[in-house]
Amino acid sequence: MEQHPWPLCRKCGEGDLVPLSDYGTEGASILYKAWICTNPACGFNLKIHKGNLFINEPVNDRGPYVPNNHAPHNHGV
């Protein structure tokens, strides 16, 4: 029997549920704030926001993050 490091998605039975972490408004780390299925065809996800559980919220596709290296810098002037 194959061992999965993360739970198997019960919706599709093919992907694993992997955790996502975030930072709170005060900057504290919040581990496992959300879980998402690794099977793109499934899309199952759940998250905790302000004490409420949200299931299957829409997940937006975004391109890779590109830092803005052209922003003006304030060098204490």
N, C-alpha and C. Protein backbone atom coordinates (compact mmCIF):
# COMPACT_ATOMS: atom_id res chain seq x y z
N MET A 1 0.85 -1.17 0.00
CA MET A 1 0.00 0.00 0.00
C MET A 1 0.90 1.24 0.00
N GLU A 2 0.60 2.19 -0.90
CA GLU A 2 1.39 3.42 -1.01
C GLU A 2 0.99 4.40 0.09
N GLN A 3 1.98 5.01 0.73
CA GLN A 3 1.74 5.99 1.78
C GLN A 3 1.74 7.39 1.19
N HIS A 4 0.76 8.20 1.52
CA HIS A 4 0.68 9.58 1.07
C HIS A 4 1.12 10.49 2.21
N PRO A 5 2.01 11.44 1.93
CA PRO A 5 2.41 12.36 2.98
C PRO A 5 1.27 13.32 3.35
N TRP A 6 0.36 13.59 2.43
CA TRP A 6 -0.79 14.44 2.70
C TRP A 6 -2.06 13.63 2.45
N PRO A 7 -3.19 14.07 3.02
CA PRO A 7 -4.43 13.29 2.84
C PRO A 7 -4.86 13.25 1.37
N LEU A 8 -5.44 12.13 0.97
CA LEU A 8 -5.99 11.97 -0.36
C LEU A 8 -7.29 12.78 -0.44
N CYS A 9 -7.50 13.47 -1.55
CA CYS A 9 -8.73 14.25 -1.74
C CYS A 9 -9.91 13.30 -1.80
N ARG A 10 -10.91 13.52 -0.96
CA ARG A 10 -12.08 12.65 -0.94
C ARG A 10 -13.09 13.02 -2.02
N LYS A 11 -12.91 14.19 -2.64
CA LYS A 11 -13.83 14.57 -3.72
C LYS A 11 -13.50 13.81 -5.00
N CYS A 12 -12.22 13.84 -5.41
CA CYS A 12 -11.84 13.20 -6.68
C CYS A 12 -11.12 11.87 -6.49
N GLY A 13 -10.50 11.67 -5.33
CA GLY A 13 -9.78 10.44 -5.07
C GLY A 13 -8.47 10.30 -5.83
N GLU A 14 -8.06 11.34 -6.55
CA GLU A 14 -6.83 11.29 -7.35
C GLU A 14 -5.75 12.22 -6.83
N GLY A 15 -6.12 13.39 -6.38
CA GLY A 15 -5.14 14.37 -5.91
C GLY A 15 -4.93 14.28 -4.41
N ASP A 16 -3.89 14.94 -3.95
CA ASP A 16 -3.64 15.05 -2.52
C ASP A 16 -4.12 16.42 -2.04
N LEU A 17 -4.54 16.51 -0.79
CA LEU A 17 -4.85 17.81 -0.20
C LEU A 17 -3.57 18.34 0.41
N VAL A 18 -3.13 19.49 -0.09
CA VAL A 18 -1.90 20.10 0.43
C VAL A 18 -2.24 21.39 1.14
N PRO A 19 -1.52 21.68 2.22
CA PRO A 19 -1.84 22.88 3.00
C PRO A 19 -1.18 24.13 2.42
N LEU A 20 -1.83 25.25 2.62
CA LEU A 20 -1.28 26.55 2.28
C LEU A 20 -1.26 27.38 3.57
N SER A 21 -0.22 28.15 3.75
CA SER A 21 -0.09 28.98 4.94
C SER A 21 -0.19 30.45 4.55
N ASP A 22 -0.36 31.31 5.54
CA ASP A 22 -0.52 32.73 5.28
C ASP A 22 -0.03 33.49 6.51
N TYR A 23 -0.12 34.79 6.44
CA TYR A 23 0.19 35.64 7.58
C TYR A 23 -1.06 36.41 7.97
N GLY A 24 -1.28 36.56 9.26
CA GLY A 24 -2.42 37.31 9.77
C GLY A 24 -2.19 38.80 9.64
N THR A 25 -3.22 39.56 10.01
CA THR A 25 -3.14 41.02 9.91
C THR A 25 -2.06 41.61 10.79
N GLU A 26 -1.70 40.92 11.85
CA GLU A 26 -0.65 41.39 12.76
C GLU A 26 0.72 40.83 12.36
N GLY A 27 0.78 40.06 11.27
CA GLY A 27 2.04 39.51 10.81
C GLY A 27 2.39 38.14 11.36
N ALA A 28 1.51 37.56 12.18
CA ALA A 28 1.78 36.24 12.74
C ALA A 28 1.53 35.17 11.68
N SER A 29 2.36 34.15 11.68
CA SER A 29 2.24 33.06 10.73
C SER A 29 1.01 32.22 11.07
N ILE A 30 0.22 31.88 10.05
CA ILE A 30 -0.94 31.01 10.21
C ILE A 30 -0.68 29.77 9.36
N LEU A 31 -0.33 28.67 10.04
CA LEU A 31 -0.06 27.42 9.34
C LEU A 31 -1.36 26.74 8.96
N TYR A 32 -1.39 26.15 7.79
CA TYR A 32 -2.52 25.36 7.31
C TYR A 32 -3.82 26.17 7.30
N LYS A 33 -3.75 27.39 6.79
CA LYS A 33 -4.94 28.23 6.70
C LYS A 33 -5.90 27.70 5.64
N ALA A 34 -5.35 27.07 4.61
CA ALA A 34 -6.17 26.55 3.52
C ALA A 34 -5.61 25.22 3.05
N TRP A 35 -6.45 24.43 2.44
CA TRP A 35 -6.06 23.16 1.84
C TRP A 35 -6.62 23.14 0.43
N ILE A 36 -5.84 22.62 -0.52
CA ILE A 36 -6.28 22.56 -1.90
C ILE A 36 -5.86 21.24 -2.52
N CYS A 37 -6.71 20.73 -3.43
CA CYS A 37 -6.42 19.48 -4.11
C CYS A 37 -5.40 19.74 -5.20
N THR A 38 -4.43 18.83 -5.33
CA THR A 38 -3.39 18.98 -6.35
C THR A 38 -3.86 18.59 -7.74
N ASN A 39 -5.04 18.02 -7.86
CA ASN A 39 -5.60 17.65 -9.16
C ASN A 39 -6.30 18.88 -9.75
N PRO A 40 -5.73 19.51 -10.80
CA PRO A 40 -6.33 20.72 -11.35
C PRO A 40 -7.77 20.53 -11.85
N ALA A 41 -8.11 19.31 -12.29
CA ALA A 41 -9.47 19.05 -12.76
C ALA A 41 -10.47 19.04 -11.61
N CYS A 42 -10.01 18.81 -10.39
CA CYS A 42 -10.88 18.74 -9.22
C CYS A 42 -11.14 20.13 -8.66
N GLY A 43 -10.08 20.79 -8.22
CA GLY A 43 -10.21 22.14 -7.68
C GLY A 43 -10.77 22.25 -6.28
N PHE A 44 -10.99 21.11 -5.59
CA PHE A 44 -11.52 21.19 -4.22
C PHE A 44 -10.57 21.99 -3.34
N ASN A 45 -11.15 22.87 -2.53
CA ASN A 45 -10.35 23.65 -1.59
C ASN A 45 -11.20 24.04 -0.41
N LEU A 46 -10.53 24.27 0.69
CA LEU A 46 -11.21 24.82 1.87
C LEU A 46 -10.25 25.74 2.58
N LYS A 47 -10.83 26.76 3.24
CA LYS A 47 -9.98 27.71 3.95
C LYS A 47 -10.73 28.24 5.17
N ILE A 48 -9.96 28.74 6.11
CA ILE A 48 -10.50 29.38 7.29
C ILE A 48 -10.22 30.87 7.17
N HIS A 49 -11.27 31.68 7.29
CA HIS A 49 -11.12 33.13 7.22
C HIS A 49 -11.97 33.75 8.31
N LYS A 50 -11.31 34.43 9.23
CA LYS A 50 -11.98 35.08 10.37
C LYS A 50 -12.87 34.11 11.13
N GLY A 51 -12.37 32.89 11.32
CA GLY A 51 -13.08 31.90 12.11
C GLY A 51 -14.16 31.14 11.35
N ASN A 52 -14.37 31.46 10.09
CA ASN A 52 -15.38 30.76 9.30
C ASN A 52 -14.70 29.83 8.30
N LEU A 53 -15.35 28.70 8.02
CA LEU A 53 -14.83 27.72 7.08
C LEU A 53 -15.51 27.94 5.73
N PHE A 54 -14.70 28.10 4.69
CA PHE A 54 -15.20 28.27 3.33
C PHE A 54 -14.76 27.08 2.49
N ILE A 55 -15.70 26.49 1.76
CA ILE A 55 -15.42 25.31 0.95
C ILE A 55 -15.68 25.63 -0.51
N ASN A 56 -14.73 25.23 -1.37
CA ASN A 56 -14.82 25.40 -2.82
C ASN A 56 -15.00 26.84 -3.26
N GLU A 57 -14.23 27.74 -2.65
CA GLU A 57 -14.19 29.12 -3.12
C GLU A 57 -13.52 29.14 -4.49
N PRO A 58 -13.90 30.05 -5.38
CA PRO A 58 -13.22 30.11 -6.68
C PRO A 58 -11.72 30.37 -6.50
N VAL A 59 -10.93 29.68 -7.31
CA VAL A 59 -9.48 29.86 -7.28
C VAL A 59 -9.11 30.56 -8.58
N ASN A 60 -8.47 31.71 -8.46
CA ASN A 60 -8.10 32.48 -9.65
C ASN A 60 -6.75 32.01 -10.18
N ASP A 61 -6.66 31.89 -11.50
CA ASP A 61 -5.39 31.60 -12.15
C ASP A 61 -4.65 32.91 -12.33
N ARG A 62 -3.42 32.97 -11.87
CA ARG A 62 -2.60 34.16 -12.04
C ARG A 62 -1.26 33.74 -12.59
N GLY A 63 -0.65 34.67 -13.30
CA GLY A 63 0.68 34.42 -13.80
C GLY A 63 1.67 34.46 -12.65
N PRO A 64 2.91 34.13 -12.93
CA PRO A 64 3.94 34.18 -11.89
C PRO A 64 4.16 35.61 -11.39
N TYR A 65 4.55 35.74 -10.15
CA TYR A 65 4.83 37.03 -9.55
C TYR A 65 6.09 37.61 -10.17
N VAL A 66 6.00 38.86 -10.60
CA VAL A 66 7.13 39.56 -11.16
C VAL A 66 7.35 40.83 -10.32
N PRO A 67 8.46 40.91 -9.60
CA PRO A 67 8.68 42.10 -8.77
C PRO A 67 8.86 43.34 -9.63
N ASN A 68 8.42 44.46 -9.12
CA ASN A 68 8.55 45.73 -9.81
C ASN A 68 9.88 46.35 -9.43
N ASN A 69 10.89 46.17 -10.28
CA ASN A 69 12.22 46.70 -9.99
C ASN A 69 12.37 48.15 -10.42
N HIS A 70 11.31 48.73 -10.98
CA HIS A 70 11.39 50.09 -11.47
C HIS A 70 10.72 51.09 -10.54
N ALA A 71 10.27 50.63 -9.38
CA ALA A 71 9.62 51.53 -8.44
C ALA A 71 10.67 52.45 -7.82
N PRO A 72 10.30 53.72 -7.62
CA PRO A 72 11.27 54.64 -7.00
C PRO A 72 11.55 54.23 -5.56
N HIS A 73 12.78 54.40 -5.14
CA HIS A 73 13.19 54.06 -3.78
C HIS A 73 13.32 55.33 -2.96
N ASN A 74 12.88 55.26 -1.74
CA ASN A 74 13.02 56.38 -0.81
C ASN A 74 14.27 56.10 0.01
N HIS A 75 15.32 56.84 -0.22
CA HIS A 75 16.57 56.62 0.50
C HIS A 75 16.75 57.61 1.63
N GLY A 76 15.65 57.84 2.34
CA GLY A 76 15.74 58.71 3.52
C GLY A 76 15.77 60.20 3.16
N VAL A 77 15.35 60.54 1.98
CA VAL A 77 15.32 61.95 1.57
C VAL A 77 13.95 62.52 1.66
